[in-house]
N, C-alpha and C. Protein backbone atom coordinates (compact mmCIF):
# COMPACT_ATOMS: atom_id res chain seq x y z
N MET A 1 -8.97 -28.85 11.43
CA MET A 1 -10.33 -28.39 11.60
C MET A 1 -10.37 -26.88 11.37
N LEU A 2 -11.31 -26.42 10.61
CA LEU A 2 -11.40 -25.02 10.22
C LEU A 2 -11.55 -24.09 11.42
N THR A 3 -12.35 -24.47 12.40
CA THR A 3 -12.59 -23.57 13.53
C THR A 3 -11.33 -23.33 14.35
N THR A 4 -10.51 -24.34 14.55
CA THR A 4 -9.28 -24.12 15.32
C THR A 4 -8.26 -23.33 14.51
N LYS A 5 -8.29 -23.42 13.20
CA LYS A 5 -7.34 -22.69 12.36
C LYS A 5 -7.57 -21.18 12.41
N ILE A 6 -8.80 -20.76 12.68
CA ILE A 6 -9.08 -19.31 12.73
C ILE A 6 -8.89 -18.72 14.12
N LEU A 7 -8.64 -19.56 15.11
CA LEU A 7 -8.50 -19.08 16.49
C LEU A 7 -7.43 -18.00 16.66
N PRO A 8 -6.22 -18.16 16.10
CA PRO A 8 -5.22 -17.09 16.27
C PRO A 8 -5.69 -15.75 15.68
N ASN A 9 -6.36 -15.79 14.53
CA ASN A 9 -6.86 -14.55 13.92
C ASN A 9 -7.99 -13.96 14.74
N LEU A 10 -8.78 -14.81 15.35
CA LEU A 10 -9.86 -14.34 16.22
C LEU A 10 -9.28 -13.59 17.42
N VAL A 11 -8.20 -14.13 17.99
CA VAL A 11 -7.56 -13.47 19.13
C VAL A 11 -7.00 -12.11 18.71
N SER A 12 -6.36 -12.05 17.54
CA SER A 12 -5.86 -10.76 17.04
C SER A 12 -7.01 -9.79 16.82
N GLY A 13 -8.11 -10.29 16.29
CA GLY A 13 -9.28 -9.45 16.08
C GLY A 13 -9.85 -8.91 17.38
N VAL A 14 -9.83 -9.74 18.42
CA VAL A 14 -10.30 -9.30 19.74
C VAL A 14 -9.41 -8.17 20.26
N ARG A 15 -8.10 -8.28 20.03
CA ARG A 15 -7.19 -7.20 20.45
C ARG A 15 -7.59 -5.89 19.80
N ILE A 16 -7.90 -5.93 18.52
CA ILE A 16 -8.31 -4.70 17.83
C ILE A 16 -9.67 -4.23 18.35
N ALA A 17 -10.58 -5.16 18.56
CA ALA A 17 -11.93 -4.82 19.03
C ALA A 17 -11.92 -4.21 20.43
N LEU A 18 -10.91 -4.52 21.24
CA LEU A 18 -10.81 -3.95 22.58
C LEU A 18 -10.42 -2.47 22.57
N MET A 19 -9.80 -2.01 21.50
CA MET A 19 -9.23 -0.67 21.49
C MET A 19 -10.25 0.46 21.65
N PRO A 20 -11.45 0.40 21.06
CA PRO A 20 -12.41 1.47 21.37
C PRO A 20 -12.73 1.55 22.87
N GLY A 21 -12.84 0.41 23.53
CA GLY A 21 -13.08 0.40 24.97
C GLY A 21 -11.90 0.97 25.74
N VAL A 22 -10.69 0.66 25.30
CA VAL A 22 -9.49 1.20 25.94
C VAL A 22 -9.50 2.73 25.81
N LEU A 23 -9.77 3.21 24.61
CA LEU A 23 -9.77 4.65 24.37
C LEU A 23 -10.92 5.34 25.13
N MET A 24 -12.09 4.72 25.12
CA MET A 24 -13.23 5.32 25.83
C MET A 24 -12.97 5.39 27.34
N SER A 25 -12.33 4.37 27.90
CA SER A 25 -12.02 4.41 29.33
C SER A 25 -11.01 5.52 29.63
N ALA A 26 -10.07 5.75 28.72
CA ALA A 26 -9.12 6.85 28.92
C ALA A 26 -9.83 8.20 28.83
N LEU A 27 -10.72 8.34 27.84
CA LEU A 27 -11.46 9.59 27.69
C LEU A 27 -12.37 9.85 28.90
N ALA A 28 -12.87 8.77 29.50
CA ALA A 28 -13.73 8.90 30.68
C ALA A 28 -12.92 9.12 31.95
N GLY A 29 -11.59 9.01 31.85
CA GLY A 29 -10.74 9.23 33.01
C GLY A 29 -10.64 8.04 33.94
N SER A 30 -10.99 6.86 33.46
CA SER A 30 -10.98 5.65 34.29
C SER A 30 -9.66 4.89 34.14
N ARG A 31 -8.74 5.15 35.04
CA ARG A 31 -7.46 4.43 35.01
C ARG A 31 -7.64 2.91 35.20
N PRO A 32 -8.49 2.47 36.15
CA PRO A 32 -8.63 1.01 36.32
C PRO A 32 -9.13 0.29 35.05
N TRP A 33 -10.15 0.85 34.40
CA TRP A 33 -10.66 0.21 33.19
C TRP A 33 -9.63 0.27 32.06
N PHE A 34 -8.96 1.40 31.94
CA PHE A 34 -7.93 1.53 30.91
C PHE A 34 -6.85 0.46 31.11
N VAL A 35 -6.34 0.35 32.32
CA VAL A 35 -5.28 -0.62 32.61
C VAL A 35 -5.78 -2.05 32.40
N ALA A 36 -6.99 -2.35 32.84
CA ALA A 36 -7.53 -3.70 32.69
C ALA A 36 -7.69 -4.08 31.22
N LEU A 37 -8.32 -3.20 30.44
CA LEU A 37 -8.56 -3.53 29.03
C LEU A 37 -7.25 -3.57 28.23
N LEU A 38 -6.37 -2.61 28.48
CA LEU A 38 -5.08 -2.64 27.80
C LEU A 38 -4.28 -3.87 28.22
N GLY A 39 -4.37 -4.22 29.49
CA GLY A 39 -3.68 -5.42 29.98
C GLY A 39 -4.17 -6.69 29.29
N VAL A 40 -5.48 -6.81 29.09
CA VAL A 40 -6.03 -7.96 28.38
C VAL A 40 -5.50 -7.99 26.95
N SER A 41 -5.47 -6.83 26.32
CA SER A 41 -4.97 -6.76 24.94
C SER A 41 -3.50 -7.16 24.87
N LEU A 42 -2.70 -6.65 25.79
CA LEU A 42 -1.27 -6.98 25.79
C LEU A 42 -1.05 -8.46 26.10
N ALA A 43 -1.86 -9.02 26.98
CA ALA A 43 -1.74 -10.44 27.31
C ALA A 43 -2.08 -11.32 26.12
N THR A 44 -3.07 -10.92 25.33
CA THR A 44 -3.46 -11.73 24.18
C THR A 44 -2.49 -11.57 23.01
N ASP A 45 -1.59 -10.58 23.10
CA ASP A 45 -0.59 -10.41 22.05
C ASP A 45 0.28 -11.67 21.93
N ALA A 46 0.64 -12.23 23.03
CA ALA A 46 1.45 -13.46 23.01
C ALA A 46 0.60 -14.68 22.65
N LEU A 47 -0.69 -14.62 22.98
CA LEU A 47 -1.56 -15.78 22.78
C LEU A 47 -1.79 -16.09 21.31
N ASP A 48 -1.96 -15.07 20.46
CA ASP A 48 -2.25 -15.36 19.05
C ASP A 48 -1.09 -16.09 18.37
N GLY A 49 0.13 -15.65 18.66
CA GLY A 49 1.30 -16.32 18.08
C GLY A 49 1.46 -17.75 18.60
N PHE A 50 1.24 -17.92 19.91
CA PHE A 50 1.31 -19.25 20.51
C PHE A 50 0.30 -20.19 19.84
N LEU A 51 -0.93 -19.71 19.68
CA LEU A 51 -1.96 -20.54 19.05
C LEU A 51 -1.63 -20.86 17.60
N ALA A 52 -1.09 -19.88 16.88
CA ALA A 52 -0.72 -20.12 15.48
C ALA A 52 0.33 -21.23 15.38
N ARG A 53 1.31 -21.19 16.28
CA ARG A 53 2.35 -22.24 16.27
C ARG A 53 1.76 -23.58 16.71
N ARG A 54 0.99 -23.57 17.78
CA ARG A 54 0.44 -24.80 18.35
C ARG A 54 -0.54 -25.49 17.40
N LEU A 55 -1.34 -24.69 16.69
CA LEU A 55 -2.36 -25.25 15.79
C LEU A 55 -1.90 -25.32 14.35
N ASN A 56 -0.64 -24.96 14.12
CA ASN A 56 -0.10 -24.90 12.76
C ASN A 56 -1.03 -24.08 11.86
N ALA A 57 -1.37 -22.90 12.36
CA ALA A 57 -2.34 -22.04 11.67
C ALA A 57 -1.68 -20.76 11.18
N TYR A 58 -0.48 -20.89 10.63
CA TYR A 58 0.23 -19.73 10.09
C TYR A 58 -0.44 -19.26 8.81
N SER A 59 -0.48 -17.95 8.64
CA SER A 59 -0.94 -17.41 7.36
C SER A 59 -0.40 -16.00 7.22
N ASP A 60 -0.27 -15.56 5.98
CA ASP A 60 0.17 -14.20 5.74
C ASP A 60 -0.86 -13.22 6.29
N PHE A 61 -2.14 -13.55 6.13
CA PHE A 61 -3.20 -12.71 6.68
C PHE A 61 -3.07 -12.61 8.20
N GLY A 62 -2.79 -13.73 8.86
CA GLY A 62 -2.64 -13.73 10.32
C GLY A 62 -1.49 -12.87 10.78
N ARG A 63 -0.36 -12.92 10.07
CA ARG A 63 0.79 -12.07 10.41
C ARG A 63 0.42 -10.59 10.26
N LYS A 64 -0.29 -10.26 9.18
CA LYS A 64 -0.70 -8.87 8.96
C LYS A 64 -1.69 -8.41 10.02
N LEU A 65 -2.64 -9.27 10.36
CA LEU A 65 -3.63 -8.93 11.37
C LEU A 65 -2.96 -8.72 12.73
N ASP A 66 -2.02 -9.59 13.08
CA ASP A 66 -1.28 -9.45 14.33
C ASP A 66 -0.51 -8.14 14.35
N SER A 67 0.15 -7.81 13.24
CA SER A 67 0.90 -6.54 13.17
C SER A 67 -0.05 -5.35 13.27
N ALA A 68 -1.20 -5.42 12.60
CA ALA A 68 -2.18 -4.33 12.69
C ALA A 68 -2.65 -4.15 14.13
N ALA A 69 -2.88 -5.26 14.81
CA ALA A 69 -3.30 -5.19 16.22
C ALA A 69 -2.19 -4.56 17.06
N ASP A 70 -0.93 -4.86 16.75
CA ASP A 70 0.19 -4.25 17.47
C ASP A 70 0.18 -2.73 17.29
N TYR A 71 0.02 -2.27 16.04
CA TYR A 71 0.05 -0.84 15.76
C TYR A 71 -1.11 -0.12 16.45
N VAL A 72 -2.31 -0.69 16.36
CA VAL A 72 -3.49 -0.06 16.96
C VAL A 72 -3.37 -0.04 18.48
N THR A 73 -2.89 -1.13 19.06
CA THR A 73 -2.72 -1.20 20.51
C THR A 73 -1.69 -0.18 20.98
N LEU A 74 -0.59 -0.08 20.26
CA LEU A 74 0.46 0.87 20.63
C LEU A 74 -0.06 2.30 20.62
N LEU A 75 -0.69 2.69 19.52
CA LEU A 75 -1.18 4.06 19.41
C LEU A 75 -2.27 4.37 20.43
N THR A 76 -3.17 3.43 20.64
CA THR A 76 -4.24 3.64 21.62
C THR A 76 -3.67 3.70 23.04
N GLY A 77 -2.71 2.83 23.32
CA GLY A 77 -2.08 2.83 24.64
C GLY A 77 -1.35 4.13 24.92
N VAL A 78 -0.60 4.62 23.95
CA VAL A 78 0.13 5.88 24.13
C VAL A 78 -0.86 7.04 24.32
N ALA A 79 -1.92 7.06 23.51
CA ALA A 79 -2.93 8.12 23.64
C ALA A 79 -3.59 8.07 25.02
N GLY A 80 -3.91 6.87 25.47
CA GLY A 80 -4.54 6.73 26.79
C GLY A 80 -3.62 7.16 27.92
N ILE A 81 -2.36 6.80 27.83
CA ILE A 81 -1.40 7.22 28.86
C ILE A 81 -1.26 8.74 28.85
N ALA A 82 -1.24 9.33 27.66
CA ALA A 82 -1.14 10.80 27.57
C ALA A 82 -2.35 11.47 28.23
N LEU A 83 -3.52 10.87 28.08
CA LEU A 83 -4.73 11.44 28.67
C LEU A 83 -4.80 11.24 30.19
N LEU A 84 -4.41 10.05 30.64
CA LEU A 84 -4.57 9.70 32.06
C LEU A 84 -3.38 10.05 32.94
N TRP A 85 -2.20 10.10 32.35
CA TRP A 85 -0.98 10.44 33.09
C TRP A 85 -0.22 11.54 32.33
N PRO A 86 -0.82 12.71 32.17
CA PRO A 86 -0.19 13.75 31.35
C PRO A 86 1.18 14.21 31.87
N ASP A 87 1.36 14.25 33.19
CA ASP A 87 2.66 14.66 33.73
C ASP A 87 3.77 13.67 33.36
N ILE A 88 3.44 12.38 33.46
CA ILE A 88 4.42 11.35 33.08
C ILE A 88 4.70 11.44 31.59
N MET A 89 3.66 11.64 30.79
CA MET A 89 3.87 11.74 29.34
C MET A 89 4.75 12.92 28.98
N ARG A 90 4.52 14.06 29.61
CA ARG A 90 5.38 15.23 29.33
C ARG A 90 6.83 14.94 29.71
N ARG A 91 7.03 14.35 30.86
CA ARG A 91 8.38 14.05 31.35
C ARG A 91 9.08 13.02 30.46
N GLU A 92 8.34 12.03 29.99
CA GLU A 92 8.92 10.92 29.23
C GLU A 92 8.80 11.10 27.72
N LEU A 93 8.31 12.24 27.25
CA LEU A 93 8.05 12.43 25.84
C LEU A 93 9.25 12.14 24.93
N PRO A 94 10.47 12.57 25.27
CA PRO A 94 11.60 12.21 24.39
C PRO A 94 11.79 10.69 24.26
N TRP A 95 11.59 9.98 25.35
CA TRP A 95 11.72 8.52 25.33
C TRP A 95 10.58 7.89 24.52
N VAL A 96 9.38 8.39 24.72
CA VAL A 96 8.22 7.87 23.99
C VAL A 96 8.42 8.10 22.49
N LEU A 97 8.85 9.30 22.11
CA LEU A 97 9.06 9.60 20.70
C LEU A 97 10.17 8.75 20.10
N ALA A 98 11.22 8.50 20.88
CA ALA A 98 12.31 7.64 20.39
C ALA A 98 11.80 6.22 20.14
N GLY A 99 11.02 5.69 21.07
CA GLY A 99 10.47 4.35 20.90
C GLY A 99 9.51 4.26 19.73
N LEU A 100 8.63 5.25 19.61
CA LEU A 100 7.69 5.27 18.48
C LEU A 100 8.43 5.41 17.15
N SER A 101 9.47 6.22 17.14
CA SER A 101 10.26 6.40 15.90
C SER A 101 10.87 5.08 15.46
N GLY A 102 11.45 4.35 16.41
CA GLY A 102 12.01 3.05 16.07
C GLY A 102 10.95 2.08 15.58
N PHE A 103 9.82 2.07 16.24
CA PHE A 103 8.73 1.17 15.89
C PHE A 103 8.21 1.46 14.48
N PHE A 104 7.95 2.73 14.19
CA PHE A 104 7.36 3.07 12.90
C PHE A 104 8.39 3.19 11.78
N ALA A 105 9.66 3.36 12.12
CA ALA A 105 10.71 3.36 11.08
C ALA A 105 10.75 2.00 10.38
N VAL A 106 10.51 0.94 11.14
CA VAL A 106 10.48 -0.40 10.56
C VAL A 106 9.32 -0.52 9.57
N LEU A 107 8.19 0.04 9.92
CA LEU A 107 7.02 0.02 9.03
C LEU A 107 7.32 0.76 7.73
N VAL A 108 7.86 1.96 7.85
CA VAL A 108 8.19 2.76 6.67
C VAL A 108 9.25 2.08 5.82
N PHE A 109 10.28 1.54 6.46
CA PHE A 109 11.34 0.86 5.72
C PHE A 109 10.80 -0.36 4.97
N GLY A 110 9.89 -1.09 5.60
CA GLY A 110 9.30 -2.25 4.95
C GLY A 110 8.56 -1.86 3.68
N PHE A 111 7.79 -0.78 3.75
CA PHE A 111 7.08 -0.32 2.56
C PHE A 111 8.05 0.17 1.49
N ALA A 112 9.12 0.84 1.91
CA ALA A 112 10.10 1.33 0.93
C ALA A 112 10.85 0.18 0.27
N ARG A 113 11.18 -0.85 1.02
CA ARG A 113 12.00 -1.96 0.50
C ARG A 113 11.17 -3.00 -0.25
N PHE A 114 10.01 -3.39 0.35
CA PHE A 114 9.23 -4.50 -0.20
C PHE A 114 7.80 -4.13 -0.57
N GLY A 115 7.41 -2.90 -0.31
CA GLY A 115 6.03 -2.49 -0.59
C GLY A 115 5.02 -3.03 0.40
N ARG A 116 5.48 -3.41 1.60
CA ARG A 116 4.62 -3.98 2.64
C ARG A 116 5.34 -3.90 3.98
N PRO A 117 4.60 -4.01 5.08
CA PRO A 117 5.28 -4.03 6.39
C PRO A 117 6.16 -5.27 6.50
N LEU A 118 7.24 -5.15 7.26
CA LEU A 118 8.15 -6.29 7.39
C LEU A 118 7.50 -7.45 8.15
N GLY A 119 6.96 -7.19 9.32
CA GLY A 119 6.23 -8.21 10.08
C GLY A 119 7.02 -9.47 10.34
N TYR A 120 8.30 -9.34 10.70
CA TYR A 120 9.13 -10.53 10.93
C TYR A 120 8.79 -11.24 12.24
N HIS A 121 8.23 -10.54 13.20
CA HIS A 121 7.93 -11.12 14.51
C HIS A 121 9.17 -11.79 15.09
N THR A 122 10.24 -11.03 15.18
CA THR A 122 11.51 -11.55 15.69
C THR A 122 11.39 -11.89 17.17
N TRP A 123 12.36 -12.66 17.64
CA TRP A 123 12.38 -12.99 19.07
C TRP A 123 12.46 -11.71 19.89
N ALA A 124 13.25 -10.76 19.43
CA ALA A 124 13.41 -9.50 20.18
C ALA A 124 12.08 -8.77 20.30
N THR A 125 11.30 -8.71 19.23
CA THR A 125 10.02 -7.99 19.31
C THR A 125 9.02 -8.73 20.19
N LYS A 126 9.10 -10.05 20.21
CA LYS A 126 8.20 -10.82 21.08
C LYS A 126 8.55 -10.58 22.55
N ILE A 127 9.84 -10.56 22.85
CA ILE A 127 10.28 -10.28 24.22
C ILE A 127 9.91 -8.85 24.61
N LEU A 128 10.06 -7.93 23.67
CA LEU A 128 9.74 -6.53 23.95
C LEU A 128 8.26 -6.30 24.24
N ALA A 129 7.39 -7.08 23.62
CA ALA A 129 5.96 -6.93 23.89
C ALA A 129 5.67 -7.16 25.37
N VAL A 130 6.30 -8.17 25.93
CA VAL A 130 6.13 -8.48 27.35
C VAL A 130 6.87 -7.46 28.20
N ALA A 131 8.10 -7.13 27.83
CA ALA A 131 8.91 -6.20 28.61
C ALA A 131 8.27 -4.81 28.66
N THR A 132 7.68 -4.39 27.56
CA THR A 132 7.03 -3.07 27.54
C THR A 132 5.89 -3.03 28.55
N ALA A 133 5.06 -4.05 28.53
CA ALA A 133 3.93 -4.09 29.47
C ALA A 133 4.44 -4.07 30.92
N ILE A 134 5.48 -4.84 31.19
CA ILE A 134 6.03 -4.89 32.55
C ILE A 134 6.63 -3.54 32.93
N SER A 135 7.31 -2.88 32.00
CA SER A 135 7.97 -1.61 32.31
C SER A 135 6.97 -0.48 32.60
N LEU A 136 5.74 -0.64 32.11
CA LEU A 136 4.74 0.39 32.37
C LEU A 136 4.27 0.41 33.82
N VAL A 137 4.38 -0.72 34.51
CA VAL A 137 3.92 -0.77 35.90
C VAL A 137 4.73 0.19 36.77
N PRO A 138 6.07 0.07 36.83
CA PRO A 138 6.80 1.03 37.67
C PRO A 138 6.76 2.47 37.13
N LEU A 139 6.63 2.61 35.81
CA LEU A 139 6.56 3.96 35.25
C LEU A 139 5.28 4.67 35.68
N LEU A 140 4.13 4.03 35.46
CA LEU A 140 2.85 4.66 35.76
C LEU A 140 2.58 4.75 37.26
N ALA A 141 3.19 3.87 38.03
CA ALA A 141 3.06 3.94 39.49
C ALA A 141 4.05 4.97 40.07
N GLU A 142 4.89 5.52 39.20
CA GLU A 142 5.91 6.51 39.56
C GLU A 142 6.93 5.97 40.56
N TRP A 143 7.26 4.70 40.40
CA TRP A 143 8.32 4.10 41.20
C TRP A 143 9.66 4.33 40.54
N SER A 144 9.71 4.07 39.20
CA SER A 144 10.98 4.18 38.48
C SER A 144 10.72 4.27 36.99
N ASP A 145 11.51 5.09 36.31
CA ASP A 145 11.41 5.16 34.85
C ASP A 145 12.51 4.33 34.18
N GLY A 146 13.41 3.77 34.98
CA GLY A 146 14.54 2.99 34.44
C GLY A 146 14.12 1.82 33.55
N PRO A 147 13.19 0.96 33.99
CA PRO A 147 12.79 -0.15 33.12
C PRO A 147 12.22 0.31 31.78
N PHE A 148 11.42 1.39 31.80
CA PHE A 148 10.87 1.91 30.55
C PHE A 148 11.97 2.42 29.63
N HIS A 149 12.95 3.11 30.18
CA HIS A 149 14.07 3.61 29.37
C HIS A 149 14.84 2.45 28.75
N CYS A 150 15.06 1.39 29.53
CA CYS A 150 15.75 0.20 28.99
C CYS A 150 14.96 -0.41 27.83
N VAL A 151 13.63 -0.47 27.97
CA VAL A 151 12.79 -1.04 26.92
C VAL A 151 12.88 -0.19 25.65
N VAL A 152 12.92 1.13 25.79
CA VAL A 152 13.03 1.99 24.62
C VAL A 152 14.35 1.75 23.89
N VAL A 153 15.44 1.63 24.63
CA VAL A 153 16.74 1.35 24.02
C VAL A 153 16.69 0.00 23.29
N LEU A 154 16.09 -1.00 23.94
CA LEU A 154 15.96 -2.31 23.32
C LEU A 154 15.03 -2.27 22.10
N GLN A 155 14.00 -1.41 22.15
CA GLN A 155 13.10 -1.25 21.00
C GLN A 155 13.86 -0.72 19.79
N ILE A 156 14.72 0.25 20.02
CA ILE A 156 15.51 0.80 18.92
C ILE A 156 16.46 -0.26 18.37
N ALA A 157 17.08 -1.04 19.25
CA ALA A 157 17.97 -2.13 18.80
C ALA A 157 17.19 -3.18 18.01
N ALA A 158 15.99 -3.52 18.47
CA ALA A 158 15.16 -4.50 17.76
C ALA A 158 14.72 -3.96 16.40
N SER A 159 14.46 -2.67 16.33
CA SER A 159 14.10 -2.05 15.05
C SER A 159 15.27 -2.10 14.08
N LEU A 160 16.45 -1.81 14.58
CA LEU A 160 17.65 -1.89 13.73
C LEU A 160 17.88 -3.32 13.24
N GLU A 161 17.60 -4.31 14.10
CA GLU A 161 17.74 -5.70 13.69
C GLU A 161 16.79 -6.01 12.54
N GLN A 162 15.54 -5.53 12.62
CA GLN A 162 14.59 -5.81 11.55
C GLN A 162 15.00 -5.14 10.24
N VAL A 163 15.52 -3.93 10.32
CA VAL A 163 16.01 -3.25 9.11
C VAL A 163 17.19 -4.03 8.52
N ALA A 164 18.09 -4.50 9.38
CA ALA A 164 19.23 -5.29 8.91
C ALA A 164 18.76 -6.58 8.24
N ILE A 165 17.75 -7.22 8.81
CA ILE A 165 17.20 -8.44 8.20
C ILE A 165 16.67 -8.13 6.81
N ALA A 166 15.95 -7.02 6.68
CA ALA A 166 15.40 -6.64 5.38
C ALA A 166 16.50 -6.33 4.37
N LEU A 167 17.61 -5.82 4.84
CA LEU A 167 18.73 -5.54 3.93
C LEU A 167 19.45 -6.81 3.51
N ILE A 168 19.46 -7.79 4.38
CA ILE A 168 20.16 -9.05 4.10
C ILE A 168 19.36 -9.94 3.15
N LEU A 169 18.05 -10.02 3.38
CA LEU A 169 17.23 -10.92 2.57
C LEU A 169 16.85 -10.26 1.25
N PRO A 170 16.99 -10.98 0.15
CA PRO A 170 16.70 -10.38 -1.15
C PRO A 170 15.20 -10.18 -1.42
N LYS A 171 14.34 -10.92 -0.71
CA LYS A 171 12.89 -10.75 -0.88
C LYS A 171 12.22 -10.90 0.46
N HIS A 172 10.96 -10.48 0.54
CA HIS A 172 10.24 -10.51 1.81
C HIS A 172 10.02 -11.93 2.29
N ARG A 173 10.18 -12.14 3.57
CA ARG A 173 9.90 -13.41 4.24
C ARG A 173 8.95 -13.14 5.39
N GLY A 174 8.18 -14.15 5.77
CA GLY A 174 7.24 -13.97 6.87
C GLY A 174 7.91 -13.92 8.22
N GLU A 175 8.15 -15.04 8.82
CA GLU A 175 8.74 -15.12 10.14
C GLU A 175 10.25 -15.25 10.02
N VAL A 176 10.98 -14.36 10.68
CA VAL A 176 12.44 -14.42 10.73
C VAL A 176 12.82 -14.16 12.19
N PRO A 177 13.23 -15.20 12.93
CA PRO A 177 13.45 -15.04 14.37
C PRO A 177 14.55 -14.05 14.76
N THR A 178 15.68 -14.07 14.04
CA THR A 178 16.81 -13.21 14.39
C THR A 178 17.60 -12.85 13.14
N LEU A 179 18.53 -11.93 13.31
CA LEU A 179 19.43 -11.55 12.23
C LEU A 179 20.27 -12.76 11.80
N TRP A 180 20.67 -13.57 12.75
CA TRP A 180 21.45 -14.78 12.44
C TRP A 180 20.65 -15.71 11.53
N HIS A 181 19.36 -15.88 11.83
CA HIS A 181 18.50 -16.72 10.98
C HIS A 181 18.40 -16.14 9.57
N ALA A 182 18.30 -14.82 9.48
CA ALA A 182 18.23 -14.17 8.16
C ALA A 182 19.51 -14.43 7.37
N TRP A 183 20.64 -14.35 8.04
CA TRP A 183 21.92 -14.60 7.37
C TRP A 183 21.98 -16.03 6.83
N ARG A 184 21.50 -16.97 7.63
CA ARG A 184 21.46 -18.38 7.17
C ARG A 184 20.49 -18.56 6.02
N MET A 185 19.31 -17.91 6.09
CA MET A 185 18.33 -18.00 5.02
C MET A 185 18.92 -17.45 3.72
N ARG A 186 19.63 -16.35 3.82
CA ARG A 186 20.25 -15.76 2.63
C ARG A 186 21.25 -16.72 2.02
N GLY A 187 22.04 -17.35 2.86
CA GLY A 187 23.01 -18.34 2.35
C GLY A 187 22.32 -19.51 1.68
N ASN A 188 21.23 -19.99 2.26
CA ASN A 188 20.49 -21.11 1.67
C ASN A 188 19.82 -20.71 0.36
N GLU A 189 19.30 -19.48 0.29
CA GLU A 189 18.68 -19.03 -0.96
C GLU A 189 19.72 -18.86 -2.05
N GLY A 190 20.93 -18.44 -1.67
CA GLY A 190 22.01 -18.29 -2.65
C GLY A 190 22.42 -19.62 -3.24
N VAL A 191 22.38 -20.69 -2.43
CA VAL A 191 22.75 -22.02 -2.91
C VAL A 191 21.73 -22.53 -3.92
N ARG A 192 20.43 -22.24 -3.68
CA ARG A 192 19.36 -22.72 -4.56
C ARG A 192 19.33 -21.97 -5.88
N GLU A 193 19.74 -20.72 -5.88
CA GLU A 193 19.62 -19.91 -7.12
C GLU A 193 20.71 -20.21 -8.12
């Protein structure tokens, strides 16, 4: 049915549509609204992929839209945290920059290698989406920065995995769960050629 096939893209679109509200709440100095709206966006990050799998509604457009929503959410979230928690942002800036560097290095490498973002949606990046949201709770509540630091280290490792996948595969692929899967795909493509 056509309507159910567009549901995952609709959820990704809602994530993007929430970002002006997230940014406006940060500019207005409203921590509760910022956290609530960003929380809804982060929660729906897992929902679009789940719906795509459940409804067999995979598409290249859907993968790109999901990735675009990830980039917009990340940048808006970081900007909002910088506005609402400036002391934490100053203190954690090296960690934030390291995480952003890893995240965007994958984007740049994808364009350099294949002329497009990689968008593999690996298991590591899916786990990191949830872990990042969870790590922000103790960070912003000023209980502990340890979970956030762990997530940044894992983000860099996940970024390196995506670059390694791109180096292993001779051409762009949509979904690649892990480096091991990429290695197997490469072997299978070699047999067919």
